[in-house]
């Protein structure tokens, strides 16, 4: 009997211990839950504080605006970067240290026309030039409709079209060059194609009016120029993966080729004794001086190589290249109209050794 009571007492003690342990575990669990809740609450408060600080920074930078994730990403893309952080395909001038755009989607590329970047002057200089030649076209059409022949209208019309294509393709290239490395290469080909078109227009118009009365020479040089143009255009095809420097050298070589018909015409007309040579050679030399100086500044990266980081946004070599190219196109257009007016006035009468022949 006593043994049974002892066993019962032990069982009750065990049960009490279990209950005590259960209560202890419940208490610990409750404390743990409360601790977790407290930790979560503190994290939430800290997160809210961080958000408040973030919003405060946004308000200081962008004004009192509400931002969501898309707005933040938009503002992040709008931020310009330095040369070191710029996309690799845009890092072609180490003397320009700031003002680079990041890789942008199409909409932001278009919007970047109105940002202040190291491409802003490049974009607007040739966009303005395109508008200028668009207006010039109107006045030229009026002049041609009254005085020029059908062929003259075609020559001048092609000149204006090619110049406008050169300027607008340059604008497109500088606008969308930051889209991606692949797009950069594609739009660079468009830009070089525009340069080639302008050279073609300059050569064709010059040859046409220089050899106005010499059909054989005129046709030969027009044909040769078109052949070189075709070869230069084949090099621009993206899927051939021709190095950009090779493309530029091809265009440079083509430009130098223009000296050949010029020299031939000079001697054909009798040199400096010819009145026509006296009138036109200075204009041809002026054209080569303008384009030569423009290319020298572009290739030597003057003046930013002497003022590193000081001309990132305005006054660097590519800006001057654009200004001088636009000036050269305008100069040659005026020279072309002068050639046309001279030919319409004198016909095929030209001065050779101070004597007129037809």
Protein backbone atom coordinates (compact mmCIF):
# COMPACT_ATOMS: atom_id res chain seq x y z
CA UNK A 1 0.00 0.00 0.00
CA UNK A 2 2.74 2.42 0.94
CA UNK A 3 4.59 1.47 -2.21
CA UNK A 4 1.54 2.30 -4.35
CA UNK A 5 1.18 5.70 -2.67
CA UNK A 6 4.85 6.42 -3.35
CA UNK A 7 4.43 5.52 -7.02
CA UNK A 8 1.33 7.75 -7.26
CA UNK A 9 3.26 10.61 -5.67
CA UNK A 10 6.07 10.16 -8.20
CA UNK A 11 3.58 10.20 -11.10
CA UNK A 12 1.96 13.38 -9.81
CA UNK A 13 5.36 15.00 -9.41
CA UNK A 14 6.27 14.05 -12.98
CA UNK A 15 2.99 15.52 -14.24
CA UNK A 16 3.61 18.72 -12.28
CA UNK A 17 7.09 18.92 -13.78
CA UNK A 18 5.64 18.48 -17.28
CA UNK A 19 3.08 21.17 -16.65
CA UNK A 20 5.77 23.49 -15.27
CA UNK A 21 7.97 22.79 -18.28
CA UNK A 22 5.05 23.36 -20.63
CA UNK A 23 4.26 26.65 -18.96
CA UNK A 24 7.90 27.59 -19.16
CA UNK A 25 8.04 26.67 -22.84
CA UNK A 26 4.84 28.59 -23.52
CA UNK A 27 6.26 31.56 -21.67
CA UNK A 28 9.52 31.38 -23.61
CA UNK A 29 7.60 30.98 -26.86
CA UNK A 30 5.44 33.96 -25.98
CA UNK A 31 8.54 35.99 -25.12
CA UNK A 32 10.14 34.91 -28.40
CA UNK A 33 7.04 35.89 -30.39
CA UNK A 34 6.91 39.24 -28.64
CA UNK A 35 10.61 39.71 -29.32
CA UNK A 36 10.13 38.91 -33.04
CA UNK A 37 7.19 41.29 -33.24
CA UNK A 38 9.24 43.97 -31.54
CA UNK A 39 12.14 43.35 -33.95
CA UNK A 40 9.81 43.50 -36.97
CA UNK A 41 8.29 46.71 -35.66
CA UNK A 42 11.74 48.25 -35.18
CA UNK A 43 12.76 47.19 -38.71
CA UNK A 44 9.59 48.70 -40.10
CA UNK A 45 10.23 51.96 -38.24
CA UNK A 46 13.82 52.04 -39.51
CA UNK A 47 12.61 51.31 -43.03
CA UNK A 48 10.12 54.16 -42.81
CA UNK A 49 12.86 56.44 -41.53
CA UNK A 50 15.08 55.43 -44.46
CA UNK A 51 12.22 56.06 -46.87
CA UNK A 52 11.67 59.47 -45.31
CA UNK A 53 15.35 60.28 -45.75
CA UNK A 54 15.23 58.98 -49.34
CA UNK A 55 12.15 61.06 -50.10
CA UNK A 56 13.78 64.08 -48.50
CA UNK A 57 16.82 63.63 -50.74
CA UNK A 58 14.57 63.26 -53.77
CA UNK A 59 12.66 66.40 -52.83
CA UNK A 60 15.91 68.33 -52.42
CA UNK A 61 17.15 67.14 -55.82
CA UNK A 62 13.97 67.10 -57.90
CA UNK A 63 11.49 69.27 -55.97
CA UNK A 64 8.41 68.14 -54.10
CA UNK A 65 7.37 65.32 -56.42
CA UNK A 66 6.07 61.86 -55.69
CA UNK A 67 8.26 59.06 -57.03
CA UNK A 68 7.51 55.45 -57.69
CA UNK A 69 9.92 52.79 -58.97
CA UNK A 70 9.58 53.85 -62.60
CA UNK A 71 10.16 57.51 -61.77
CA UNK A 72 13.29 56.64 -59.83
CA UNK A 73 14.62 54.54 -62.72
CA UNK A 74 13.80 57.38 -65.13
CA UNK A 75 15.73 59.93 -63.08
CA UNK A 76 18.59 57.48 -62.71
CA UNK A 77 18.84 57.07 -66.49
CA UNK A 78 18.81 60.84 -66.95
CA UNK A 79 21.92 61.27 -64.83
CA UNK A 80 25.02 61.85 -66.95
CA UNK A 81 28.24 59.99 -66.28
CA UNK A 82 31.96 60.57 -66.57
CA UNK A 83 34.30 59.14 -69.18
CA UNK A 84 35.30 56.30 -66.84
CA UNK A 85 31.67 55.23 -66.31
CA UNK A 86 30.45 55.83 -69.88
CA UNK A 87 29.43 52.95 -72.17
CA UNK A 88 32.50 51.52 -73.91
CA UNK A 89 31.29 52.36 -77.42
CA UNK A 90 31.07 56.07 -76.50
CA UNK A 91 34.58 56.28 -75.05
CA UNK A 92 36.39 57.44 -78.18
CA UNK A 93 37.79 60.75 -76.89
CA UNK A 94 39.65 60.53 -73.56
CA UNK A 95 40.03 64.33 -73.43
CA UNK A 96 36.28 64.77 -72.90
CA UNK A 97 35.83 63.75 -69.28
CA UNK A 98 32.18 64.39 -68.49
CA UNK A 99 28.67 64.81 -69.91
CA UNK A 100 28.17 61.30 -71.29
CA UNK A 101 24.74 59.74 -71.58
CA UNK A 102 24.09 56.22 -70.35
CA UNK A 103 22.60 53.56 -72.61
CA UNK A 104 19.07 54.89 -73.13
CA UNK A 105 15.83 53.58 -74.63
CA UNK A 106 14.51 55.24 -77.78
CA UNK A 107 12.17 57.66 -75.98
CA UNK A 108 14.93 58.98 -73.73
CA UNK A 109 17.32 59.24 -76.69
CA UNK A 110 14.83 61.60 -78.32
CA UNK A 111 14.31 63.45 -75.04
CA UNK A 112 18.07 63.84 -74.62
CA UNK A 113 18.02 66.28 -77.54
CA UNK A 114 16.84 68.81 -74.95
CA UNK A 115 19.36 67.83 -72.24
CA UNK A 116 22.68 69.57 -71.73
CA UNK A 117 25.23 66.86 -72.60
CA UNK A 118 28.48 66.68 -74.51
CA UNK A 119 26.38 65.82 -77.60
CA UNK A 120 23.92 68.73 -77.38
CA UNK A 121 25.88 71.11 -79.63
CA UNK A 122 26.60 68.29 -82.09
CA UNK A 123 22.89 67.53 -82.36
CA UNK A 124 21.60 71.08 -82.63
CA UNK A 125 24.31 72.43 -84.95
CA UNK A 126 23.36 70.05 -87.74
CA UNK A 127 19.66 70.11 -86.91
CA UNK A 128 19.83 73.87 -87.39
CA UNK A 129 21.81 73.30 -90.61
CA UNK A 130 19.12 70.97 -91.93
CA UNK A 131 16.45 73.61 -91.25
CA UNK A 132 18.66 76.24 -92.91
CA UNK A 133 19.01 74.23 -96.13
CA UNK A 134 15.31 73.44 -96.06
CA UNK A 135 14.64 77.18 -96.19
CA UNK A 136 17.34 77.72 -98.83
CA UNK A 137 15.67 75.08 -100.99
CA UNK A 138 12.57 77.25 -101.24
CA UNK A 139 14.47 80.29 -102.54
CA UNK A 140 16.57 78.15 -104.90
CA UNK A 141 13.49 76.52 -106.40
CA UNK A 142 12.07 79.95 -107.18
CA UNK A 143 15.34 81.01 -108.84
CA UNK A 144 15.69 77.78 -110.83
CA UNK A 145 12.10 77.78 -112.05
CA UNK A 146 12.68 81.16 -113.69
CA UNK A 147 16.20 80.81 -115.11
CA UNK A 148 17.59 77.27 -115.15
CA UNK A 149 17.24 74.33 -117.50
CA UNK A 150 15.80 70.95 -116.56
CA UNK A 151 19.27 69.46 -116.02
CA UNK A 152 20.34 72.41 -113.87
CA UNK A 153 17.30 71.87 -111.69
CA UNK A 154 18.25 68.22 -111.21
CA UNK A 155 21.87 69.09 -110.33
CA UNK A 156 20.97 71.78 -107.80
CA UNK A 157 18.07 69.70 -106.45
CA UNK A 158 20.40 66.73 -105.85
CA UNK A 159 22.92 69.04 -104.20
CA UNK A 160 20.31 70.35 -101.76
CA UNK A 161 18.91 66.88 -101.08
CA UNK A 162 22.34 65.37 -100.37
CA UNK A 163 23.35 68.24 -98.09
CA UNK A 164 20.11 67.91 -96.12
CA UNK A 165 20.55 64.14 -95.84
CA UNK A 166 24.10 64.65 -94.57
CA UNK A 167 22.91 67.02 -91.85
CA UNK A 168 19.85 65.07 -90.73
CA UNK A 169 21.71 61.72 -90.66
CA UNK A 170 24.40 63.36 -88.55
CA UNK A 171 21.69 64.59 -86.17
CA UNK A 172 20.16 61.11 -85.99
CA UNK A 173 23.54 59.53 -85.28
CA UNK A 174 24.37 61.87 -82.41
CA UNK A 175 20.87 61.47 -80.97
CA UNK A 176 20.74 57.67 -80.95
CA UNK A 177 24.43 56.76 -80.56
CA UNK A 178 23.82 56.02 -76.85
CA UNK A 179 21.11 53.42 -77.48
CA UNK A 180 23.49 50.44 -77.58
CA UNK A 181 26.84 49.40 -79.03
CA UNK A 182 25.11 47.74 -81.98
CA UNK A 183 22.93 50.79 -82.65
CA UNK A 184 25.98 53.04 -82.35
CA UNK A 185 27.73 51.17 -85.16
CA UNK A 186 24.57 51.22 -87.27
CA UNK A 187 23.93 54.95 -86.87
CA UNK A 188 27.61 55.72 -87.43
CA UNK A 189 27.25 54.03 -90.82
CA UNK A 190 24.29 56.32 -91.52
CA UNK A 191 26.40 59.33 -90.55
CA UNK A 192 29.24 58.28 -92.85
CA UNK A 193 26.72 57.62 -95.61
CA UNK A 194 25.50 61.20 -95.21
CA UNK A 195 29.08 62.49 -95.48
CA UNK A 196 29.55 60.42 -98.63
CA UNK A 197 26.34 61.86 -100.10
CA UNK A 198 27.55 65.40 -99.48
CA UNK A 199 30.90 64.61 -101.13
CA UNK A 200 29.06 63.09 -104.09
CA UNK A 201 26.93 66.23 -104.46
CA UNK A 202 30.01 68.48 -104.26
CA UNK A 203 31.90 66.46 -106.87
CA UNK A 204 28.99 66.06 -109.30
CA UNK A 205 28.04 69.74 -109.18
CA UNK A 206 31.66 70.89 -109.50
CA UNK A 207 32.41 68.53 -112.40
CA UNK A 208 29.17 69.38 -114.16
CA UNK A 209 29.77 73.14 -114.18
CA UNK A 210 33.56 72.91 -114.68
CA UNK A 211 33.24 70.65 -117.75
CA UNK A 212 29.98 72.19 -118.92
CA UNK A 213 30.99 72.16 -122.58
CA UNK A 214 33.27 69.09 -122.55
CA UNK A 215 30.93 66.14 -122.51
CA UNK A 216 33.57 63.40 -122.67
CA UNK A 217 35.58 64.67 -119.71
CA UNK A 218 32.43 65.48 -117.75
CA UNK A 219 30.98 62.00 -118.25
CA UNK A 220 34.29 60.31 -117.43
CA UNK A 221 34.73 62.13 -114.12
CA UNK A 222 31.09 61.76 -113.13
CA UNK A 223 31.36 58.01 -113.80
CA UNK A 224 34.62 57.67 -111.83
CA UNK A 225 33.20 59.59 -108.87
CA UNK A 226 30.11 57.36 -108.84
CA UNK A 227 32.29 54.23 -108.88
CA UNK A 228 34.31 55.45 -105.89
CA UNK A 229 31.08 56.42 -104.12
CA UNK A 230 29.72 52.90 -104.63
CA UNK A 231 32.92 51.34 -103.26
CA UNK A 232 32.85 53.64 -100.23
CA UNK A 233 29.21 52.70 -99.59
CA UNK A 234 29.95 48.99 -99.73
CA UNK A 235 32.47 49.51 -96.93
CA UNK A 236 29.70 51.03 -94.80
CA UNK A 237 27.56 47.87 -94.85
CA UNK A 238 27.18 46.79 -91.17
CA UNK A 239 27.34 43.04 -91.82
CA UNK A 240 30.84 43.37 -93.35
CA UNK A 241 32.17 44.52 -89.95
CA UNK A 242 34.66 46.91 -91.52
CA UNK A 243 36.68 48.88 -88.97
CA UNK A 244 35.45 52.45 -88.48
CA UNK A 245 38.92 53.84 -89.19
CA UNK A 246 38.98 52.06 -92.56
CA UNK A 247 35.63 53.63 -93.41
CA UNK A 248 36.96 57.08 -92.55
CA UNK A 249 40.15 56.55 -94.58
CA UNK A 250 38.06 55.49 -97.58
CA UNK A 251 36.04 58.71 -97.37
CA UNK A 252 39.21 60.75 -96.89
CA UNK A 253 40.79 59.13 -99.95
CA UNK A 254 37.69 59.86 -101.96
CA UNK A 255 37.79 63.52 -100.89
CA UNK A 256 41.44 63.76 -101.95
CA UNK A 257 40.53 62.27 -105.34
CA UNK A 258 38.61 65.48 -106.04
CA UNK A 259 41.98 67.16 -106.64
CA UNK A 260 42.41 65.10 -109.84
CA UNK A 261 39.54 66.61 -111.90
CA UNK A 262 40.31 70.03 -110.40
CA UNK A 263 43.92 69.97 -111.64
CA UNK A 264 42.85 68.56 -115.00
CA UNK A 265 40.31 71.36 -115.40
CA UNK A 266 42.89 73.96 -114.34
CA UNK A 267 45.31 73.00 -117.11
CA UNK A 268 42.53 72.36 -119.62
CA UNK A 269 41.34 75.94 -119.18
CA UNK A 270 44.82 77.41 -119.64
CA UNK A 271 45.83 77.96 -116.03
CA UNK A 272 45.70 81.31 -114.32
CA UNK A 273 45.43 83.16 -117.62
CA UNK A 274 41.84 81.95 -117.93
CA UNK A 275 39.20 84.28 -116.56
CA UNK A 276 37.11 81.31 -115.47
CA UNK A 277 40.04 79.81 -113.54
CA UNK A 278 40.64 83.15 -111.87
CA UNK A 279 37.00 83.20 -110.76
CA UNK A 280 36.54 79.62 -109.62
CA UNK A 281 39.90 78.28 -108.38
CA UNK A 282 39.84 80.51 -105.27
CA UNK A 283 36.43 79.06 -104.40
CA UNK A 284 37.65 75.50 -104.87
CA UNK A 285 40.74 76.20 -102.77
CA UNK A 286 38.54 77.82 -100.12
CA UNK A 287 36.40 74.69 -99.99
CA UNK A 288 39.43 72.44 -99.53
CA UNK A 289 40.84 74.74 -96.86
CA UNK A 290 37.59 74.66 -94.88
CA UNK A 291 37.22 70.88 -95.03
CA UNK A 292 40.96 70.33 -94.45
CA UNK A 293 41.00 72.50 -91.33
CA UNK A 294 37.82 70.79 -90.11
CA UNK A 295 39.35 67.33 -90.54
CA UNK A 296 42.64 68.39 -88.91
CA UNK A 297 40.81 69.73 -85.85
CA UNK A 298 38.68 66.58 -85.67
CA UNK A 299 41.58 64.13 -86.05
CA UNK A 300 43.96 65.98 -83.70
CA UNK A 301 41.20 66.54 -81.11
CA UNK A 302 41.93 70.23 -80.82
CA UNK A 303 41.47 72.10 -78.51
CA UNK A 304 40.31 69.66 -75.79
CA UNK A 305 43.66 67.84 -75.80
CA UNK A 306 45.15 71.07 -74.41
CA UNK A 307 42.28 71.75 -71.98
CA UNK A 308 41.30 68.32 -70.69
CA UNK A 309 37.89 68.37 -69.02
CA UNK A 310 37.39 72.08 -69.72
CA UNK A 311 35.50 71.74 -73.02
CA UNK A 312 33.35 68.72 -72.35
CA UNK A 313 30.08 70.42 -73.28
CA UNK A 314 31.05 73.18 -75.68
CA UNK A 315 34.03 74.02 -77.87
CA UNK A 316 35.58 70.57 -78.32
CA UNK A 317 36.84 69.26 -81.68
CA UNK A 318 33.62 67.58 -82.76
CA UNK A 319 31.72 70.84 -82.23
CA UNK A 320 34.19 72.65 -84.46
CA UNK A 321 33.99 69.84 -87.01
CA UNK A 322 30.23 70.35 -87.18
CA UNK A 323 30.46 74.15 -87.46
CA UNK A 324 33.08 74.00 -90.21
CA UNK A 325 31.29 71.25 -92.15
CA UNK A 326 28.08 73.28 -92.08
CA UNK A 327 30.01 76.37 -93.18
CA UNK A 328 31.67 74.38 -95.99
CA UNK A 329 28.31 73.08 -97.26
CA UNK A 330 26.83 76.58 -97.20
CA UNK A 331 29.94 77.98 -98.90
CA UNK A 332 29.82 75.37 -101.67
CA UNK A 333 26.10 75.88 -102.18
CA UNK A 334 26.71 79.60 -102.78
CA UNK A 335 29.62 78.74 -105.07
CA UNK A 336 27.38 76.36 -107.01
CA UNK A 337 24.77 79.06 -107.54
CA UNK A 338 27.58 81.37 -108.65
CA UNK A 339 28.82 78.72 -111.13
CA UNK A 340 25.28 78.26 -112.43
CA UNK A 341 24.72 81.98 -112.88
CA UNK A 342 28.07 82.32 -114.68
CA UNK A 343 27.23 79.47 -117.06
CA UNK A 344 23.75 80.79 -117.74
CA UNK A 345 25.26 84.19 -118.55
CA UNK A 346 28.27 83.10 -120.63
CA UNK A 347 27.16 79.74 -122.01
CA UNK A 348 30.13 77.80 -123.39
CA UNK A 349 32.30 80.84 -123.91
CA UNK A 350 35.38 80.45 -121.74
CA UNK A 351 38.69 82.20 -121.53
CA UNK A 352 41.75 80.25 -122.58
CA UNK A 353 45.00 82.12 -123.06
CA UNK A 354 42.95 85.36 -123.18
CA UNK A 355 40.98 84.18 -126.22
CA UNK A 356 37.34 83.11 -126.31
CA UNK A 357 36.41 79.79 -127.88
CA UNK A 358 33.24 77.75 -128.06
